[in-house]
C-alpha atoms as a PDB file:
ATOM      1  CA  MET A   1      49.639  80.946-220.207  1.00  0.00           C
ATOM      2  CA  ASP A   2      51.780  82.504-222.933  1.00  0.00           C
ATOM      3  CA  SER A   3      54.710  80.204-223.462  1.00  0.00           C
ATOM      4  CA  GLY A   4      58.048  81.786-222.719  1.00  0.00           C
ATOM      5  CA  LEU A   5      56.688  84.829-220.888  1.00  0.00           C
ATOM      6  CA  ASN A   6      57.856  85.206-217.330  1.00  0.00           C
ATOM      7  CA  GLN A   7      55.730  87.252-214.953  1.00  0.00           C
ATOM      8  CA  GLU A   8      57.748  90.424-215.474  1.00  0.00           C
ATOM      9  CA  GLU A   9      57.409  90.322-219.268  1.00  0.00           C
ATOM     10  CA  TYR A  10      53.739  89.350-219.053  1.00  0.00           C
ATOM     11  CA  VAL A  11      52.977  92.253-216.694  1.00  0.00           C
ATOM     12  CA  ARG A  12      54.917  94.627-218.953  1.00  0.00           C
ATOM     13  CA  GLN A  13      52.940  93.529-222.039  1.00  0.00           C
ATOM     14  CA  VAL A  14      49.569  93.694-220.306  1.00  0.00           C
ATOM     15  CA  LEU A  15      50.259  97.112-218.781  1.00  0.00           C
ATOM     16  CA  GLU A  16      51.552  98.493-222.072  1.00  0.00           C
ATOM     17  CA  ALA A  17      48.384  97.309-223.809  1.00  0.00           C
ATOM     18  CA  TYR A  18      46.265  98.814-221.014  1.00  0.00           C
ATOM     19  CA  ARG A  19      48.128 102.129-221.122  1.00  0.00           C
ATOM     20  CA  ASN A  20      47.584 102.385-224.882  1.00  0.00           C
ATOM     21  CA  THR A  21      43.915 101.394-224.831  1.00  0.00           C
ATOM     22  CA  PRO A  22      41.583 104.208-225.947  1.00  0.00           C
ATOM     23  CA  GLY A  23      39.569 105.572-223.056  1.00  0.00           C
ATOM     24  CA  THR A  24      42.149 104.846-220.371  1.00  0.00           C
ATOM     25  CA  ALA A  25      43.962 107.521-218.411  1.00  0.00           C
ATOM     26  CA  GLY A  26      47.235 106.297-219.934  1.00  0.00           C
ATOM     27  CA  THR A  27      48.924 105.859-216.580  1.00  0.00           C
ATOM     28  CA  VAL A  28      49.787 102.727-214.644  1.00  0.00           C
ATOM     29  CA  ARG A  29      49.446 102.536-210.890  1.00  0.00           C
ATOM     30  CA  ARG A  30      50.682  99.981-208.377  1.00  0.00           C
ATOM     31  CA  ALA A  31      47.196  98.436-208.193  1.00  0.00           C
ATOM     32  CA  ASP A  32      47.312  97.858-211.969  1.00  0.00           C
ATOM     33  CA  ARG A  33      50.612  95.997-211.597  1.00  0.00           C
ATOM     34  CA  LEU A  34      49.057  93.807-208.921  1.00  0.00           C
ATOM     35  CA  VAL A  35      46.042  92.995-211.123  1.00  0.00           C
ATOM     36  CA  ALA A  36      48.341  92.114-214.043  1.00  0.00           C
ATOM     37  CA  ALA A  37      50.427  89.851-211.786  1.00  0.00           C
ATOM     38  CA  GLN A  38      47.253  88.123-210.568  1.00  0.00           C
ATOM     39  CA  LEU A  39      46.152  87.547-214.157  1.00  0.00           C
ATOM     40  CA  HIS A  40      49.541  85.943-214.853  1.00  0.00           C
ATOM     41  CA  GLN A  41      49.207  83.758-211.756  1.00  0.00           C
ATOM     42  CA  ARG A  42      45.804  82.604-213.010  1.00  0.00           C
ATOM     43  CA  GLY A  43      47.527  81.484-216.192  1.00  0.00           C
ATOM     44  CA  LEU A  44      45.564  83.752-218.499  1.00  0.00           C
ATOM     45  CA  SER A  45      47.026  84.462-221.886  1.00  0.00           C
ATOM     46  CA  ALA A  46      48.173  88.019-222.538  1.00  0.00           C
ATOM     47  CA  GLN A  47      46.219  87.710-225.804  1.00  0.00           C
ATOM     48  CA  VAL A  48      42.975  87.163-223.865  1.00  0.00           C
ATOM     49  CA  ILE A  49      43.683  90.263-221.797  1.00  0.00           C
ATOM     50  CA  GLN A  50      44.484  92.317-224.889  1.00  0.00           C
ATOM     51  CA  ASN A  51      41.299  91.068-226.571  1.00  0.00           C
ATOM     52  CA  ALA A  52      39.274  92.135-223.530  1.00  0.00           C
ATOM     53  CA  LEU A  53      40.826  95.604-223.650  1.00  0.00           C
ATOM     54  CA  VAL A  54      39.939  95.915-227.331  1.00  0.00           C
ATOM     55  CA  LEU A  55      36.380  94.692-226.816  1.00  0.00           C
ATOM     56  CA  ALA A  56      35.696  97.017-223.882  1.00  0.00           C
ATOM     57  CA  ALA A  57      37.268 100.013-225.634  1.00  0.00           C
ATOM     58  CA  THR A  58      35.222  99.376-228.760  1.00  0.00           C
ATOM     59  CA  ARG A  59      32.030  99.101-226.749  1.00  0.00           C
ATOM     60  CA  ARG A  60      32.775 102.429-225.081  1.00  0.00           C
ATOM     61  CA  LEU A  61      33.612 104.226-228.335  1.00  0.00           C
ATOM     62  CA  ILE A  62      30.765 102.926-230.470  1.00  0.00           C
ATOM     63  CA  ARG A  63      27.824 104.544-228.749  1.00  0.00           C
ATOM     64  CA  ARG A  64      24.917 106.723-229.677  1.00  0.00           C
ATOM     65  CA  PRO A  65      26.098 110.190-230.667  1.00  0.00           C
ATOM     66  CA  ASP A  66      23.778 111.781-228.085  1.00  0.00           C
ATOM     67  CA  ALA A  67      24.971 109.549-225.222  1.00  0.00           C
ATOM     68  CA  PRO A  68      26.671 111.420-222.374  1.00  0.00           C
ATOM     69  CA  PRO A  69      30.472 111.275-222.457  1.00  0.00           C
ATOM     70  CA  LEU A  70      32.191 108.608-220.397  1.00  0.00           C
ATOM     71  CA  GLY A  71      35.014 109.343-218.001  1.00  0.00           C
ATOM     72  CA  ARG A  72      38.509 107.945-218.385  1.00  0.00           C
ATOM     73  CA  ILE A  73      39.199 104.391-217.231  1.00  0.00           C
ATOM     74  CA  ARG A  74      41.632 104.663-214.336  1.00  0.00           C
ATOM     75  CA  SER A  75      42.191 101.010-213.422  1.00  0.00           C
ATOM     76  CA  LEU A  76      43.020  97.742-215.131  1.00  0.00           C
ATOM     77  CA  ALA A  77      40.464  96.188-212.770  1.00  0.00           C
ATOM     78  CA  TYR A  78      37.735  97.894-214.849  1.00  0.00           C
ATOM     79  CA  PHE A  79      38.350  95.235-217.506  1.00  0.00           C
ATOM     80  CA  LEU A  80      38.027  92.184-215.222  1.00  0.00           C
ATOM     81  CA  PRO A  81      34.335  91.527-216.047  1.00  0.00           C
ATOM     82  CA  VAL A  82      35.112  91.629-219.776  1.00  0.00           C
ATOM     83  CA  ILE A  83      38.041  89.238-219.254  1.00  0.00           C
ATOM     84  CA  GLU A  84      35.682  86.836-217.457  1.00  0.00           C
ATOM     85  CA  GLU A  85      33.136  87.234-220.262  1.00  0.00           C
ATOM     86  CA  LEU A  86      35.752  86.260-222.837  1.00  0.00           C
ATOM     87  CA  LEU A  87      36.856  83.245-220.822  1.00  0.00           C
ATOM     88  CA  GLU A  88      33.285  81.947-220.985  1.00  0.00           C
ATOM     89  CA  SER A  89      32.846  82.558-224.712  1.00  0.00           C
ATOM     90  CA  ARG A  90      34.253  81.198-227.911  1.00  0.00           C
ATOM     91  CA  VAL A  91      34.914  84.155-230.157  1.00  0.00           C
ATOM     92  CA  SER A  92      37.209  83.904-233.149  1.00  0.00           C
ATOM     93  CA  GLN A  93      40.496  85.800-233.053  1.00  0.00           C
ATOM     94  CA  ASP A  94      39.431  87.242-236.411  1.00  0.00           C
ATOM     95  CA  TYR A  95      36.688  89.185-234.617  1.00  0.00           C
ATOM     96  CA  PHE A  96      39.209  90.838-232.294  1.00  0.00           C
ATOM     97  CA  ASP A  97      41.459  91.625-235.250  1.00  0.00           C
ATOM     98  CA  TYR A  98      38.450  93.318-236.877  1.00  0.00           C
ATOM     99  CA  LEU A  99      37.796  95.312-233.690  1.00  0.00           C
ATOM    100  CA  ARG A 100      41.456  96.394-233.539  1.00  0.00           C
ATOM    101  CA  HIS A 101      41.155  97.650-237.106  1.00  0.00           C
ATOM    102  CA  LYS A 102      37.927  99.470-236.235  1.00  0.00           C
ATOM    103  CA  LEU A 103      39.531 101.062-233.157  1.00  0.00           C
ATOM    104  CA  THR A 104      42.438 102.256-235.290  1.00  0.00           C
ATOM    105  CA  ARG A 105      40.023 103.858-237.752  1.00  0.00           C
ATOM    106  CA  ILE A 106      37.952 105.463-234.996  1.00  0.00           C
ATOM    107  CA  GLY A 107      41.090 106.727-233.263  1.00  0.00           C
ATOM    108  CA  ALA A 108      42.314 108.300-236.481  1.00  0.00           C
ATOM    109  CA  ALA A 109      38.980 110.101-236.860  1.00  0.00           C
ATOM    110  CA  LEU A 110      39.032 111.573-233.344  1.00  0.00           C
END
């Protein structure tokens, strides 16, 4: 778990990251707060959650130009499979930093 983060701060950070993730509806519901609290109780780092948001958002944005548009993500729970995927993998933080940079560039172009 992130050292020094109590549950309230952890939930705030995770929900802020979720709300600002490209492709999300930008709103937070009670169910999202519950998911964030459960992630804290599991002892997952906020960095892992943020990395999962970045990875999923990048996957959604970098698609074939002729692919049908995707709807908005309306729940933090959407990202749970990606969080689990990251927990089972060993990916360098540098890769997620690269994806963040790529998302910033894509977002600026939209």
